[in-house]
């Protein structure tokens, strides 16, 4: 199992709790992306998801970092795959919690 993140590998977050669940992969690490150009950002996400051979039933998406980046990643995955496994950080319990999401209707391309 892999934990996929939209963070860069030089981030300031402690992801050691997520690393216990699987190897952490930084989806857009080393790529120049612009969150203020959502179309371009989504294209980068699509290429990166394909390159990493993302699988919605096996991989976990870590919901840490920019809310915009997280929103674009999650909406892209749900539109393409119709489902996702995500990790949410529970600060009270100081641990990650897994959740499964499904889109109401998968978008046809």
Protein backbone atom coordinates (compact mmCIF):
# COMPACT_ATOMS: atom_id res chain seq x y z
CA UNK A 1 0.00 0.00 0.00
CA UNK A 2 1.18 3.52 -0.79
CA UNK A 3 0.32 6.88 0.73
CA UNK A 4 0.07 9.54 -2.00
CA UNK A 5 0.57 13.21 -1.10
CA UNK A 6 0.30 16.48 -3.02
CA UNK A 7 2.94 17.92 -0.71
CA UNK A 8 6.50 18.42 -1.86
CA UNK A 9 9.13 16.27 -0.14
CA UNK A 10 10.59 19.42 1.48
CA UNK A 11 7.36 20.17 3.39
CA UNK A 12 7.16 21.02 7.10
CA UNK A 13 4.61 18.34 8.09
CA UNK A 14 5.33 15.27 10.19
CA UNK A 15 4.03 12.37 8.10
CA UNK A 16 5.56 9.61 10.19
CA UNK A 17 2.08 8.43 11.24
CA UNK A 18 1.06 8.06 7.59
CA UNK A 19 4.34 6.32 6.78
CA UNK A 20 3.33 3.54 9.18
CA UNK A 21 0.45 2.75 6.81
CA UNK A 22 2.55 2.61 3.64
CA UNK A 23 5.41 4.20 1.77
CA UNK A 24 4.84 7.93 1.22
CA UNK A 25 5.00 9.13 -2.40
CA UNK A 26 5.05 12.82 -3.29
CA UNK A 27 2.90 13.15 -6.39
CA UNK A 28 4.20 16.42 -7.86
CA UNK A 29 7.64 16.52 -6.27
CA UNK A 30 10.12 18.41 -8.43
CA UNK A 31 7.46 19.69 -10.84
CA UNK A 32 6.62 23.35 -11.35
CA UNK A 33 2.90 23.71 -10.81
CA UNK A 34 0.60 26.69 -10.37
CA UNK A 35 -2.40 26.24 -8.09
CA UNK A 36 -3.85 29.47 -9.47
CA UNK A 37 -4.19 27.81 -12.88
CA UNK A 38 -6.47 24.88 -11.99
CA UNK A 39 -6.64 23.44 -15.53
CA UNK A 40 -2.87 23.19 -15.77
CA UNK A 41 -2.62 21.84 -12.22
CA UNK A 42 -5.18 19.11 -12.95
CA UNK A 43 -3.23 18.12 -16.08
CA UNK A 44 -0.10 17.74 -13.92
CA UNK A 45 -2.12 15.63 -11.47
CA UNK A 46 -3.46 13.37 -14.24
CA UNK A 47 0.04 12.76 -15.62
CA UNK A 48 1.46 12.13 -12.13
CA UNK A 49 -1.36 9.73 -11.18
CA UNK A 50 -0.78 7.78 -14.40
CA UNK A 51 3.00 7.78 -13.90
CA UNK A 52 2.67 6.44 -10.34
CA UNK A 53 0.08 3.89 -11.46
CA UNK A 54 -2.36 5.15 -8.83
CA UNK A 55 -4.99 2.57 -7.87
CA UNK A 56 -8.03 3.80 -5.90
CA UNK A 57 -8.56 0.49 -4.08
CA UNK A 58 -4.94 0.11 -2.95
CA UNK A 59 -3.45 3.58 -2.51
CA UNK A 60 -4.31 6.14 0.16
CA UNK A 61 -4.50 9.89 -0.54
CA UNK A 62 -3.10 11.92 2.34
CA UNK A 63 -5.21 15.02 3.00
CA UNK A 64 -2.40 17.29 4.19
CA UNK A 65 -1.23 20.60 2.77
CA UNK A 66 -2.93 23.28 0.70
CA UNK A 67 -6.74 23.03 0.72
CA UNK A 68 -6.73 23.99 -2.97
CA UNK A 69 -4.27 21.22 -3.88
CA UNK A 70 -6.22 18.68 -1.82
CA UNK A 71 -9.52 19.73 -3.43
CA UNK A 72 -8.11 19.48 -6.94
CA UNK A 73 -6.51 16.09 -6.26
CA UNK A 74 -9.62 14.61 -4.69
CA UNK A 75 -12.00 15.94 -7.33
CA UNK A 76 -9.70 14.70 -10.10
CA UNK A 77 -9.45 11.21 -8.61
CA UNK A 78 -13.21 10.99 -8.00
CA UNK A 79 -13.99 12.14 -11.55
CA UNK A 80 -11.57 9.67 -13.12
CA UNK A 81 -11.95 6.66 -10.82
CA UNK A 82 -15.25 7.25 -9.04
CA UNK A 83 -13.77 6.32 -5.67
CA UNK A 84 -10.84 7.04 -3.36
CA UNK A 85 -9.32 6.01 -0.06
CA UNK A 86 -8.19 9.03 1.95
CA UNK A 87 -6.26 9.65 5.15
CA UNK A 88 -7.51 12.39 7.46
CA UNK A 89 -5.39 13.56 10.37
CA UNK A 90 -7.25 13.56 13.69
CA UNK A 91 -5.34 16.08 15.82
CA UNK A 92 -7.19 15.09 18.99
CA UNK A 93 -6.15 11.45 18.68
CA UNK A 94 -2.85 12.40 16.97
CA UNK A 95 -3.29 9.81 14.25
CA UNK A 96 -4.49 9.32 10.68
CA UNK A 97 -7.91 7.86 10.01
CA UNK A 98 -8.81 6.13 6.75
CA UNK A 99 -12.05 6.95 4.95
CA UNK A 100 -13.48 5.65 1.69
CA UNK A 101 -15.24 8.02 -0.68
CA UNK A 102 -17.31 7.32 -3.77
CA UNK A 103 -18.56 9.77 -6.35
CA UNK A 104 -22.31 9.92 -6.85
CA UNK A 105 -21.78 9.28 -10.54
CA UNK A 106 -18.54 8.61 -12.37
CA UNK A 107 -17.90 11.19 -15.09
CA UNK A 108 -17.42 9.67 -18.53
CA UNK A 109 -14.55 11.04 -20.61
